[in-house]
Amino acid sequence: MTIVANALIVAGLFFLAVSVLALLIMPDLYTRAHAVAKSETLGLMLVFGGLFFRPELELSAAGRLAFVLVFSLIANPTAVHALVRAAKRSGAEPWTVVDQELADHELAEHRP
C-alpha cells in the first residue's frame, strides 16, 4: 500500500509542479487560470488519494481529509471561475498574437 500511496503522491506533486510552471510561462490571466485550475485540482486529488492509502492514517484524520478534499474540489474551480469572470468584467483582454500580413490582407479585401 505504501508504494501505491507514494506513487499517487509523486504523480500529484508532478501535476502541482506543472501548475506552477504554467503560472510562470502562460501569457495572460485566462490561459494561466485555465492551466492552473485543471492541473492543480488533479494534483490535489492525487496527493489526497495517496494520503488515503498511507498506513499511518487514522480514521478520524481520513474523515477530515475527505472533507478538505470535497471542499477543495468545489471551491477551486468555483474560485477560478469567479476570478476569470471578475477579470472579464473589469476589462482584462486576452493575449493574442496578430498575424500582421493576414490582417492587412483581410482589410484590403473589405475596402471599397
PDB file of N, CA and C in Angstrom:
ATOM      1  N   MET A   1       0.810  -1.208   0.000  1.00  0.00           N
ATOM      2  CA  MET A   1       0.000   0.000   0.000  1.00  0.00           C
ATOM      3  C   MET A   1       0.850   1.268   0.000  1.00  0.00           C
ATOM      4  N   THR A   2       1.987   1.200   0.640  1.00  0.00           N
ATOM      5  CA  THR A   2       2.849   2.377   0.701  1.00  0.00           C
ATOM      6  C   THR A   2       3.367   2.746  -0.683  1.00  0.00           C
ATOM      7  N   ILE A   3       3.615   1.736  -1.515  1.00  0.00           N
ATOM      8  CA  ILE A   3       4.109   2.012  -2.865  1.00  0.00           C
ATOM      9  C   ILE A   3       3.039   2.738  -3.679  1.00  0.00           C
ATOM     10  N   VAL A   4       1.797   2.287  -3.569  1.00  0.00           N
ATOM     11  CA  VAL A   4       0.692   2.941  -4.273  1.00  0.00           C
ATOM     12  C   VAL A   4       0.517   4.365  -3.758  1.00  0.00           C
ATOM     13  N   ALA A   5       0.576   4.534  -2.451  1.00  0.00           N
ATOM     14  CA  ALA A   5       0.421   5.860  -1.853  1.00  0.00           C
ATOM     15  C   ALA A   5       1.518   6.798  -2.331  1.00  0.00           C
ATOM     16  N   ASN A   6       2.752   6.324  -2.315  1.00  0.00           N
ATOM     17  CA  ASN A   6       3.859   7.175  -2.753  1.00  0.00           C
ATOM     18  C   ASN A   6       3.769   7.497  -4.239  1.00  0.00           C
ATOM     19  N   ALA A   7       3.324   6.539  -5.040  1.00  0.00           N
ATOM     20  CA  ALA A   7       3.176   6.789  -6.477  1.00  0.00           C
ATOM     21  C   ALA A   7       2.107   7.850  -6.737  1.00  0.00           C
ATOM     22  N   LEU A   8       0.998   7.771  -6.025  1.00  0.00           N
ATOM     23  CA  LEU A   8      -0.046   8.780  -6.188  1.00  0.00           C
ATOM     24  C   LEU A   8       0.417  10.149  -5.726  1.00  0.00           C
ATOM     25  N   ILE A   9       1.149  10.198  -4.632  1.00  0.00           N
ATOM     26  CA  ILE A   9       1.643  11.480  -4.131  1.00  0.00           C
ATOM     27  C   ILE A   9       2.648  12.088  -5.102  1.00  0.00           C
ATOM     28  N   VAL A  10       3.534  11.270  -5.641  1.00  0.00           N
ATOM     29  CA  VAL A  10       4.513  11.784  -6.616  1.00  0.00           C
ATOM     30  C   VAL A  10       3.799  12.273  -7.874  1.00  0.00           C
ATOM     31  N   ALA A  11       2.792  11.525  -8.340  1.00  0.00           N
ATOM     32  CA  ALA A  11       2.035  11.970  -9.515  1.00  0.00           C
ATOM     33  C   ALA A  11       1.316  13.287  -9.225  1.00  0.00           C
ATOM     34  N   GLY A  12       0.768  13.417  -8.032  1.00  0.00           N
ATOM     35  CA  GLY A  12       0.115  14.666  -7.653  1.00  0.00           C
ATOM     36  C   GLY A  12       1.084  15.823  -7.579  1.00  0.00           C
ATOM     37  N   LEU A  13       2.272  15.579  -7.050  1.00  0.00           N
ATOM     38  CA  LEU A  13       3.285  16.628  -6.999  1.00  0.00           C
ATOM     39  C   LEU A  13       3.736  17.031  -8.395  1.00  0.00           C
ATOM     40  N   PHE A  14       3.760  16.065  -9.321  1.00  0.00           N
ATOM     41  CA  PHE A  14       4.090  16.390 -10.705  1.00  0.00           C
ATOM     42  C   PHE A  14       3.069  17.370 -11.281  1.00  0.00           C
ATOM     43  N   PHE A  15       1.783  17.092 -11.078  1.00  0.00           N
ATOM     44  CA  PHE A  15       0.758  17.986 -11.615  1.00  0.00           C
ATOM     45  C   PHE A  15       0.764  19.346 -10.913  1.00  0.00           C
ATOM     46  N   LEU A  16       1.091  19.384  -9.649  1.00  0.00           N
ATOM     47  CA  LEU A  16       1.220  20.670  -8.964  1.00  0.00           C
ATOM     48  C   LEU A  16       2.408  21.452  -9.509  1.00  0.00           C
ATOM     49  N   ALA A  17       3.497  20.752  -9.852  1.00  0.00           N
ATOM     50  CA  ALA A  17       4.649  21.422 -10.466  1.00  0.00           C
ATOM     51  C   ALA A  17       4.289  21.947 -11.856  1.00  0.00           C
ATOM     52  N   VAL A  18       3.500  21.187 -12.596  1.00  0.00           N
ATOM     53  CA  VAL A  18       3.024  21.659 -13.898  1.00  0.00           C
ATOM     54  C   VAL A  18       2.176  22.913 -13.721  1.00  0.00           C
ATOM     55  N   SER A  19       1.396  22.947 -12.666  1.00  0.00           N
ATOM     56  CA  SER A  19       0.583  24.117 -12.371  1.00  0.00           C
ATOM     57  C   SER A  19       1.451  25.347 -12.125  1.00  0.00           C
ATOM     58  N   VAL A  20       2.511  25.173 -11.375  1.00  0.00           N
ATOM     59  CA  VAL A  20       3.426  26.290 -11.111  1.00  0.00           C
ATOM     60  C   VAL A  20       4.110  26.729 -12.398  1.00  0.00           C
ATOM     61  N   LEU A  21       4.546  25.772 -13.191  1.00  0.00           N
ATOM     62  CA  LEU A  21       5.198  26.092 -14.460  1.00  0.00           C
ATOM     63  C   LEU A  21       4.242  26.832 -15.389  1.00  0.00           C
ATOM     64  N   ALA A  22       2.998  26.391 -15.449  1.00  0.00           N
ATOM     65  CA  ALA A  22       2.002  27.061 -16.290  1.00  0.00           C
ATOM     66  C   ALA A  22       1.758  28.486 -15.816  1.00  0.00           C
ATOM     67  N   LEU A  23       1.779  28.686 -14.523  1.00  0.00           N
ATOM     68  CA  LEU A  23       1.597  30.030 -13.980  1.00  0.00           C
ATOM     69  C   LEU A  23       2.731  30.957 -14.409  1.00  0.00           C
ATOM     70  N   LEU A  24       3.912  30.403 -14.543  1.00  0.00           N
ATOM     71  CA  LEU A  24       5.070  31.222 -14.914  1.00  0.00           C
ATOM     72  C   LEU A  24       5.177  31.480 -16.405  1.00  0.00           C
ATOM     73  N   ILE A  25       4.762  30.539 -17.252  1.00  0.00           N
ATOM     74  CA  ILE A  25       5.025  30.701 -18.680  1.00  0.00           C
ATOM     75  C   ILE A  25       3.822  31.111 -19.518  1.00  0.00           C
ATOM     76  N   MET A  26       2.624  30.984 -19.008  1.00  0.00           N
ATOM     77  CA  MET A  26       1.464  31.358 -19.809  1.00  0.00           C
ATOM     78  C   MET A  26       1.372  32.878 -19.939  1.00  0.00           C
ATOM     79  N   PRO A  27       0.864  33.356 -21.077  1.00  0.00           N
ATOM     80  CA  PRO A  27       0.956  34.789 -21.363  1.00  0.00           C
ATOM     81  C   PRO A  27      -0.086  35.689 -20.689  1.00  0.00           C
ATOM     82  N   ASP A  28      -1.260  35.179 -20.371  1.00  0.00           N
ATOM     83  CA  ASP A  28      -2.266  36.076 -19.813  1.00  0.00           C
ATOM     84  C   ASP A  28      -3.079  35.382 -18.725  1.00  0.00           C
ATOM     85  N   LEU A  29      -3.956  36.140 -18.110  1.00  0.00           N
ATOM     86  CA  LEU A  29      -4.746  35.664 -16.987  1.00  0.00           C
ATOM     87  C   LEU A  29      -5.620  34.471 -17.362  1.00  0.00           C
ATOM     88  N   TYR A  30      -6.204  34.498 -18.523  1.00  0.00           N
ATOM     89  CA  TYR A  30      -7.157  33.469 -18.901  1.00  0.00           C
ATOM     90  C   TYR A  30      -6.479  32.112 -19.118  1.00  0.00           C
ATOM     91  N   THR A  31      -5.368  32.098 -19.822  1.00  0.00           N
ATOM     92  CA  THR A  31      -4.665  30.830 -20.029  1.00  0.00           C
ATOM     93  C   THR A  31      -4.024  30.349 -18.738  1.00  0.00           C
ATOM     94  N   ARG A  32      -3.536  31.259 -17.929  1.00  0.00           N
ATOM     95  CA  ARG A  32      -2.969  30.865 -16.629  1.00  0.00           C
ATOM     96  C   ARG A  32      -4.033  30.247 -15.747  1.00  0.00           C
ATOM     97  N   ALA A  33      -5.184  30.889 -15.688  1.00  0.00           N
ATOM     98  CA  ALA A  33      -6.264  30.393 -14.828  1.00  0.00           C
ATOM     99  C   ALA A  33      -6.723  29.011 -15.277  1.00  0.00           C
ATOM    100  N   HIS A  34      -6.852  28.817 -16.574  1.00  0.00           N
ATOM    101  CA  HIS A  34      -7.302  27.518 -17.069  1.00  0.00           C
ATOM    102  C   HIS A  34      -6.287  26.430 -16.747  1.00  0.00           C
ATOM    103  N   ALA A  35      -5.027  26.703 -17.038  1.00  0.00           N
ATOM    104  CA  ALA A  35      -3.987  25.694 -16.809  1.00  0.00           C
ATOM    105  C   ALA A  35      -3.829  25.383 -15.325  1.00  0.00           C
ATOM    106  N   VAL A  36      -3.839  26.407 -14.506  1.00  0.00           N
ATOM    107  CA  VAL A  36      -3.649  26.200 -13.075  1.00  0.00           C
ATOM    108  C   VAL A  36      -4.843  25.481 -12.462  1.00  0.00           C
ATOM    109  N   ALA A  37      -6.042  25.858 -12.837  1.00  0.00           N
ATOM    110  CA  ALA A  37      -7.230  25.234 -12.238  1.00  0.00           C
ATOM    111  C   ALA A  37      -7.280  23.742 -12.541  1.00  0.00           C
ATOM    112  N   LYS A  38      -7.006  23.382 -13.769  1.00  0.00           N
ATOM    113  CA  LYS A  38      -7.098  21.968 -14.141  1.00  0.00           C
ATOM    114  C   LYS A  38      -6.009  21.138 -13.482  1.00  0.00           C
ATOM    115  N   SER A  39      -4.766  21.572 -13.618  1.00  0.00           N
ATOM    116  CA  SER A  39      -3.666  20.755 -13.090  1.00  0.00           C
ATOM    117  C   SER A  39      -3.604  20.791 -11.568  1.00  0.00           C
ATOM    118  N   GLU A  40      -3.975  21.899 -10.975  1.00  0.00           N
ATOM    119  CA  GLU A  40      -3.956  21.975  -9.512  1.00  0.00           C
ATOM    120  C   GLU A  40      -5.023  21.073  -8.893  1.00  0.00           C
ATOM    121  N   THR A  41      -6.191  21.050  -9.484  1.00  0.00           N
ATOM    122  CA  THR A  41      -7.255  20.193  -8.961  1.00  0.00           C
ATOM    123  C   THR A  41      -6.889  18.719  -9.101  1.00  0.00           C
ATOM    124  N   LEU A  42      -6.341  18.346 -10.251  1.00  0.00           N
ATOM    125  CA  LEU A  42      -5.926  16.963 -10.439  1.00  0.00           C
ATOM    126  C   LEU A  42      -4.789  16.606  -9.492  1.00  0.00           C
ATOM    127  N   GLY A  43      -3.817  17.496  -9.339  1.00  0.00           N
ATOM    128  CA  GLY A  43      -2.713  17.240  -8.413  1.00  0.00           C
ATOM    129  C   GLY A  43      -3.195  17.089  -6.985  1.00  0.00           C
ATOM    130  N   LEU A  44      -4.126  17.923  -6.588  1.00  0.00           N
ATOM    131  CA  LEU A  44      -4.694  17.840  -5.250  1.00  0.00           C
ATOM    132  C   LEU A  44      -5.414  16.518  -5.031  1.00  0.00           C
ATOM    133  N   MET A  45      -6.176  16.075  -6.022  1.00  0.00           N
ATOM    134  CA  MET A  45      -6.875  14.795  -5.899  1.00  0.00           C
ATOM    135  C   MET A  45      -5.883  13.638  -5.773  1.00  0.00           C
ATOM    136  N   LEU A  46      -4.808  13.671  -6.556  1.00  0.00           N
ATOM    137  CA  LEU A  46      -3.832  12.593  -6.493  1.00  0.00           C
ATOM    138  C   LEU A  46      -3.077  12.574  -5.167  1.00  0.00           C
ATOM    139  N   VAL A  47      -2.690  13.741  -4.671  1.00  0.00           N
ATOM    140  CA  VAL A  47      -1.985  13.799  -3.387  1.00  0.00           C
ATOM    141  C   VAL A  47      -2.892  13.303  -2.265  1.00  0.00           C
ATOM    142  N   PHE A  48      -4.136  13.756  -2.248  1.00  0.00           N
ATOM    143  CA  PHE A  48      -5.045  13.296  -1.201  1.00  0.00           C
ATOM    144  C   PHE A  48      -5.354  11.816  -1.345  1.00  0.00           C
ATOM    145  N   GLY A  49      -5.477  11.357  -2.597  1.00  0.00           N
ATOM    146  CA  GLY A  49      -5.669   9.925  -2.813  1.00  0.00           C
ATOM    147  C   GLY A  49      -4.503   9.118  -2.278  1.00  0.00           C
ATOM    148  N   GLY A  50      -3.297   9.620  -2.478  1.00  0.00           N
ATOM    149  CA  GLY A  50      -2.122   8.953  -1.931  1.00  0.00           C
ATOM    150  C   GLY A  50      -2.109   8.972  -0.417  1.00  0.00           C
ATOM    151  N   LEU A  51      -2.559  10.065   0.172  1.00  0.00           N
ATOM    152  CA  LEU A  51      -2.600  10.141   1.632  1.00  0.00           C
ATOM    153  C   LEU A  51      -3.616   9.164   2.219  1.00  0.00           C
ATOM    154  N   PHE A  52      -4.692   8.907   1.485  1.00  0.00           N
ATOM    155  CA  PHE A  52      -5.669   7.923   1.970  1.00  0.00           C
ATOM    156  C   PHE A  52      -5.075   6.522   2.055  1.00  0.00           C
ATOM    157  N   PHE A  53      -4.114   6.208   1.208  1.00  0.00           N
ATOM    158  CA  PHE A  53      -3.504   4.881   1.205  1.00  0.00           C
ATOM    159  C   PHE A  53      -2.335   4.738   2.176  1.00  0.00           C
ATOM    160  N   ARG A  54      -1.955   5.815   2.838  1.00  0.00           N
ATOM    161  CA  ARG A  54      -0.851   5.727   3.805  1.00  0.00           C
ATOM    162  C   ARG A  54      -1.294   4.875   5.000  1.00  0.00           C
ATOM    163  N   PRO A  55      -0.436   3.955   5.439  1.00  0.00           N
ATOM    164  CA  PRO A  55      -0.843   3.053   6.535  1.00  0.00           C
ATOM    165  C   PRO A  55      -0.997   3.758   7.884  1.00  0.00           C
ATOM    166  N   GLU A  56      -0.335   4.877   8.081  1.00  0.00           N
ATOM    167  CA  GLU A  56      -0.428   5.541   9.389  1.00  0.00           C
ATOM    168  C   GLU A  56      -1.634   6.476   9.508  1.00  0.00           C
ATOM    169  N   LEU A  57      -2.473   6.556   8.486  1.00  0.00           N
ATOM    170  CA  LEU A  57      -3.640   7.426   8.523  1.00  0.00           C
ATOM    171  C   LEU A  57      -4.727   6.814   9.405  1.00  0.00           C
ATOM    172  N   GLU A  58      -5.180   7.583  10.379  1.00  0.00           N
ATOM    173  CA  GLU A  58      -6.249   7.131  11.265  1.00  0.00           C
ATOM    174  C   GLU A  58      -7.605   7.494  10.676  1.00  0.00           C
ATOM    175  N   LEU A  59      -8.643   6.860  11.192  1.00  0.00           N
ATOM    176  CA  LEU A  59      -9.987   7.051  10.655  1.00  0.00           C
ATOM    177  C   LEU A  59     -10.468   8.498  10.826  1.00  0.00           C
ATOM    178  N   SER A  60     -10.198   9.104  11.962  1.00  0.00           N
ATOM    179  CA  SER A  60     -10.646  10.479  12.177  1.00  0.00           C
ATOM    180  C   SER A  60      -9.921  11.443  11.234  1.00  0.00           C
ATOM    181  N   ALA A  61      -8.640  11.192  10.997  1.00  0.00           N
ATOM    182  CA  ALA A  61      -7.883  12.036  10.070  1.00  0.00           C
ATOM    183  C   ALA A  61      -8.372  11.821   8.641  1.00  0.00           C
ATOM    184  N   ALA A  62      -8.757  10.603   8.310  1.00  0.00           N
ATOM    185  CA  ALA A  62      -9.279  10.317   6.970  1.00  0.00           C
ATOM    186  C   ALA A  62     -10.581  11.073   6.724  1.00  0.00           C
ATOM    187  N   GLY A  63     -11.421  11.178   7.746  1.00  0.00           N
ATOM    188  CA  GLY A  63     -12.658  11.934   7.613  1.00  0.00           C
ATOM    189  C   GLY A  63     -12.399  13.406   7.362  1.00  0.00           C
ATOM    190  N   ARG A  64     -11.468  13.972   8.107  1.00  0.00           N
ATOM    191  CA  ARG A  64     -11.120  15.378   7.898  1.00  0.00           C
ATOM    192  C   ARG A  64     -10.490  15.589   6.529  1.00  0.00           C
ATOM    193  N   LEU A  65      -9.658  14.655   6.128  1.00  0.00           N
ATOM    194  CA  LEU A  65      -9.017  14.735   4.830  1.00  0.00           C
ATOM    195  C   LEU A  65     -10.059  14.659   3.712  1.00  0.00           C
ATOM    196  N   ALA A  66     -11.046  13.802   3.862  1.00  0.00           N
ATOM    197  CA  ALA A  66     -12.122  13.698   2.869  1.00  0.00           C
ATOM    198  C   ALA A  66     -12.918  14.994   2.805  1.00  0.00           C
ATOM    199  N   PHE A  67     -13.176  15.601   3.961  1.00  0.00           N
ATOM    200  CA  PHE A  67     -13.889  16.879   3.991  1.00  0.00           C
ATOM    201  C   PHE A  67     -13.107  17.960   3.258  1.00  0.00           C
ATOM    202  N   VAL A  68     -11.805  18.048   3.502  1.00  0.00           N
ATOM    203  CA  VAL A  68     -10.966  19.041   2.839  1.00  0.00           C
ATOM    204  C   VAL A  68     -10.924  18.780   1.334  1.00  0.00           C
ATOM    205  N   LEU A  69     -10.853  17.515   0.940  1.00  0.00           N
ATOM    206  CA  LEU A  69     -10.831  17.183  -0.486  1.00  0.00           C
ATOM    207  C   LEU A  69     -12.128  17.597  -1.162  1.00  0.00           C
ATOM    208  N   VAL A  70     -13.262  17.279  -0.580  1.00  0.00           N
ATOM    209  CA  VAL A  70     -14.549  17.646  -1.175  1.00  0.00           C
ATOM    210  C   VAL A  70     -14.683  19.167  -1.246  1.00  0.00           C
ATOM    211  N   PHE A  71     -14.309  19.861  -0.179  1.00  0.00           N
ATOM    212  CA  PHE A  71     -14.368  21.323  -0.188  1.00  0.00           C
ATOM    213  C   PHE A  71     -13.458  21.892  -1.267  1.00  0.00           C
ATOM    214  N   SER A  72     -12.266  21.350  -1.413  1.00  0.00           N
ATOM    215  CA  SER A  72     -11.325  21.841  -2.419  1.00  0.00           C
ATOM    216  C   SER A  72     -11.832  21.584  -3.830  1.00  0.00           C
ATOM    217  N   LEU A  73     -12.454  20.435  -4.048  1.00  0.00           N
ATOM    218  CA  LEU A  73     -12.983  20.125  -5.374  1.00  0.00           C
ATOM    219  C   LEU A  73     -14.127  21.045  -5.766  1.00  0.00           C
ATOM    220  N   ILE A  74     -14.830  21.569  -4.777  1.00  0.00           N
ATOM    221  CA  ILE A  74     -15.903  22.521  -5.058  1.00  0.00           C
ATOM    222  C   ILE A  74     -15.352  23.939  -5.141  1.00  0.00           C
ATOM    223  N   ALA A  75     -14.484  24.302  -4.210  1.00  0.00           N
ATOM    224  CA  ALA A  75     -14.024  25.684  -4.107  1.00  0.00           C
ATOM    225  C   ALA A  75     -13.017  26.078  -5.178  1.00  0.00           C
ATOM    226  N   ASN A  76     -12.118  25.184  -5.562  1.00  0.00           N
ATOM    227  CA  ASN A  76     -11.071  25.557  -6.510  1.00  0.00           C
ATOM    228  C   ASN A  76     -11.634  25.959  -7.873  1.00  0.00           C
ATOM    229  N   PRO A  77     -12.440  25.135  -8.540  1.00  0.00           N
ATOM    230  CA  PRO A  77     -12.994  25.581  -9.827  1.00  0.00           C
ATOM    231  C   PRO A  77     -13.921  26.791  -9.700  1.00  0.00           C
ATOM    232  N   THR A  78     -14.655  26.855  -8.598  1.00  0.00           N
ATOM    233  CA  THR A  78     -15.546  27.992  -8.392  1.00  0.00           C
ATOM    234  C   THR A  78     -14.767  29.280  -8.225  1.00  0.00           C
ATOM    235  N   ALA A  79     -13.687  29.233  -7.477  1.00  0.00           N
ATOM    236  CA  ALA A  79     -12.856  30.426  -7.269  1.00  0.00           C
ATOM    237  C   ALA A  79     -12.194  30.877  -8.566  1.00  0.00           C
ATOM    238  N   VAL A  80     -11.728  29.933  -9.348  1.00  0.00           N
ATOM    239  CA  VAL A  80     -11.109  30.298 -10.626  1.00  0.00           C
ATOM    240  C   VAL A  80     -12.148  30.902 -11.564  1.00  0.00           C
ATOM    241  N   HIS A  81     -13.341  30.332 -11.585  1.00  0.00           N
ATOM    242  CA  HIS A  81     -14.405  30.889 -12.415  1.00  0.00           C
ATOM    243  C   HIS A  81     -14.733  32.318 -11.976  1.00  0.00           C
ATOM    244  N   ALA A  82     -14.846  32.549 -10.686  1.00  0.00           N
ATOM    245  CA  ALA A  82     -15.144  33.896 -10.190  1.00  0.00           C
ATOM    246  C   ALA A  82     -14.015  34.871 -10.528  1.00  0.00           C
ATOM    247  N   LEU A  83     -12.777  34.422 -10.427  1.00  0.00           N
ATOM    248  CA  LEU A  83     -11.642  35.268 -10.756  1.00  0.00           C
ATOM    249  C   LEU A  83     -11.647  35.662 -12.230  1.00  0.00           C
ATOM    250  N   VAL A  84     -11.875  34.697 -13.106  1.00  0.00           N
ATOM    251  CA  VAL A  84     -11.880  34.976 -14.542  1.00  0.00           C
ATOM    252  C   VAL A  84     -13.078  35.848 -14.916  1.00  0.00           C
ATOM    253  N   ARG A  85     -14.204  35.597 -14.299  1.00  0.00           N
ATOM    254  CA  ARG A  85     -15.380  36.415 -14.591  1.00  0.00           C
ATOM    255  C   ARG A  85     -15.180  37.858 -14.142  1.00  0.00           C
ATOM    256  N   ALA A  86     -14.563  38.043 -12.974  1.00  0.00           N
ATOM    257  CA  ALA A  86     -14.278  39.398 -12.498  1.00  0.00           C
ATOM    258  C   ALA A  86     -13.267  40.087 -13.409  1.00  0.00           C
ATOM    259  N   ALA A  87     -12.284  39.341 -13.885  1.00  0.00           N
ATOM    260  CA  ALA A  87     -11.300  39.929 -14.798  1.00  0.00           C
ATOM    261  C   ALA A  87     -11.959  40.342 -16.104  1.00  0.00           C
ATOM    262  N   LYS A  88     -12.843  39.517 -16.610  1.00  0.00           N
ATOM    263  CA  LYS A  88     -13.543  39.840 -17.856  1.00  0.00           C
ATOM    264  C   LYS A  88     -14.419  41.074 -17.682  1.00  0.00           C
ATOM    265  N   ARG A  89     -15.120  41.155 -16.555  1.00  0.00           N
ATOM    266  CA  ARG A  89     -15.975  42.314 -16.308  1.00  0.00           C
ATOM    267  C   ARG A  89     -15.183  43.594 -16.097  1.00  0.00           C
ATOM    268  N   SER A  90     -13.957  43.468 -15.595  1.00  0.00           N
ATOM    269  CA  SER A  90     -13.141  44.662 -15.378  1.00  0.00           C
ATOM    270  C   SER A  90     -12.396  45.091 -16.635  1.00  0.00           C
ATOM    271  N   GLY A  91     -12.528  44.307 -17.704  1.00  0.00           N
ATOM    272  CA  GLY A  91     -11.964  44.719 -18.975  1.00  0.00           C
ATOM    273  C   GLY A  91     -10.637  44.080 -19.338  1.00  0.00           C
ATOM    274  N   ALA A  92     -10.235  43.058 -18.651  1.00  0.00           N
ATOM    275  CA  ALA A  92      -8.978  42.383 -18.978  1.00  0.00           C
ATOM    276  C   ALA A  92      -9.132  41.682 -20.327  1.00  0.00           C
ATOM    277  N   GLU A  93      -8.236  42.012 -21.229  1.00  0.00           N
ATOM    278  CA  GLU A  93      -8.285  41.441 -22.570  1.00  0.00           C
ATOM    279  C   GLU A  93      -7.388  40.217 -22.655  1.00  0.00           C
ATOM    280  N   PRO A  94      -7.821  39.207 -23.390  1.00  0.00           N
ATOM    281  CA  PRO A  94      -6.942  38.053 -23.588  1.00  0.00           C
ATOM    282  C   PRO A  94      -5.765  38.412 -24.487  1.00  0.00           C
ATOM    283  N   TRP A  95      -4.650  37.758 -24.225  1.00  0.00           N
ATOM    284  CA  TRP A  95      -3.465  37.968 -25.028  1.00  0.00           C
ATOM    285  C   TRP A  95      -3.642  37.256 -26.352  1.00  0.00           C
ATOM    286  N   THR A  96      -3.370  37.964 -27.441  1.00  0.00           N
ATOM    287  CA  THR A  96      -3.468  37.349 -28.759  1.00  0.00           C
ATOM    288  C   THR A  96      -2.259  37.740 -29.590  1.00  0.00           C
ATOM    289  N   VAL A  97      -1.922  36.885 -30.513  1.00  0.00           N
ATOM    290  CA  VAL A  97      -0.871  37.186 -31.478  1.00  0.00           C
ATOM    291  C   VAL A  97      -1.560  37.500 -32.790  1.00  0.00           C
ATOM    292  N   VAL A  98      -1.247  38.649 -33.337  1.00  0.00           N
ATOM    293  CA  VAL A  98      -1.871  39.066 -34.579  1.00  0.00           C
ATOM    294  C   VAL A  98      -0.875  38.861 -35.708  1.00  0.00           C
ATOM    295  N   ASP A  99      -1.295  38.129 -36.727  1.00  0.00           N
ATOM    296  CA  ASP A  99      -0.504  37.993 -37.933  1.00  0.00           C
ATOM    297  C   ASP A  99      -0.757  39.243 -38.764  1.00  0.00           C
ATOM    298  N   GLN A 100       0.208  40.150 -38.777  1.00  0.00           N
ATOM    299  CA  GLN A 100       0.004  41.449 -39.397  1.00  0.00           C
ATOM    300  C   GLN A 100      -0.262  41.335 -40.891  1.00  0.00           C
ATOM    301  N   GLU A 101       0.424  40.437 -41.563  1.00  0.00           N
ATOM    302  CA  GLU A 101       0.203  40.284 -43.007  1.00  0.00           C
ATOM    303  C   GLU A 101      -1.204  39.790 -43.294  1.00  0.00           C
ATOM    304  N   LEU A 102      -1.672  38.831 -42.510  1.00  0.00           N
ATOM    305  CA  LEU A 102      -3.027  38.324 -42.693  1.00  0.00           C
ATOM    306  C   LEU A 102      -4.059  39.406 -42.392  1.00  0.00           C
ATOM    307  N   ALA A 103      -3.840  40.184 -41.348  1.00  0.00           N
ATOM    308  CA  ALA A 103      -4.766  41.260 -41.009  1.00  0.00           C
ATOM    309  C   ALA A 103      -4.804  42.320 -42.105  1.00  0.00           C
ATOM    310  N   ASP A 104      -3.647  42.677 -42.667  1.00  0.00           N
ATOM    311  CA  ASP A 104      -3.616  43.649 -43.759  1.00  0.00           C
ATOM    312  C   ASP A 104      -4.328  43.113 -44.985  1.00  0.00           C
ATOM    313  N   HIS A 105      -4.146  41.834 -45.266  1.00  0.00           N
ATOM    314  CA  HIS A 105      -4.796  41.218 -46.414  1.00  0.00           C
ATOM    315  C   HIS A 105      -6.317  41.216 -46.238  1.00  0.00           C
ATOM    316  N   GLU A 106      -6.795  40.894 -45.029  1.00  0.00           N
ATOM    317  CA  GLU A 106      -8.229  40.905 -44.776  1.00  0.00           C
ATOM    318  C   GLU A 106      -8.802  42.309 -44.866  1.00  0.00           C
ATOM    319  N   LEU A 107      -8.064  43.296 -44.398  1.00  0.00           N
ATOM    320  CA  LEU A 107      -8.530  44.682 -44.510  1.00  0.00           C
ATOM    321  C   LEU A 107      -8.587  45.122 -45.958  1.00  0.00           C
ATOM    322  N   ALA A 108      -7.612  44.715 -46.753  1.00  0.00           N
ATOM    323  CA  ALA A 108      -7.583  45.095 -48.155  1.00  0.00           C
ATOM    324  C   ALA A 108      -8.764  44.496 -48.924  1.00  0.00           C
ATOM    325  N   GLU A 109      -9.178  43.298 -48.540  1.00  0.00           N
ATOM    326  CA  GLU A 109     -10.315  42.657 -49.213  1.00  0.00           C
ATOM    327  C   GLU A 109     -11.623  43.371 -48.933  1.00  0.00           C
ATOM    328  N   HIS A 110     -11.761  44.011 -47.763  1.00  0.00           N
ATOM    329  CA  HIS A 110     -13.016  44.630 -47.371  1.00  0.00           C
ATOM    330  C   HIS A 110     -13.075  46.120 -47.706  1.00  0.00           C
ATOM    331  N   ARG A 111     -12.017  46.682 -48.241  1.00  0.00           N
ATOM    332  CA  ARG A 111     -12.037  48.102 -48.606  1.00  0.00           C
ATOM    333  C   ARG A 111     -12.711  48.268 -49.971  1.00  0.00           C
ATOM    334  N   PRO A 112     -13.477  49.353 -50.123  1.00  0.00           N
ATOM    335  CA  PRO A 112     -14.150  49.569 -51.429  1.00  0.00           C
ATOM    336  C   PRO A 112     -13.205  50.084 -52.493  1.00  0.00           C
TER     337      PRO A 112
END
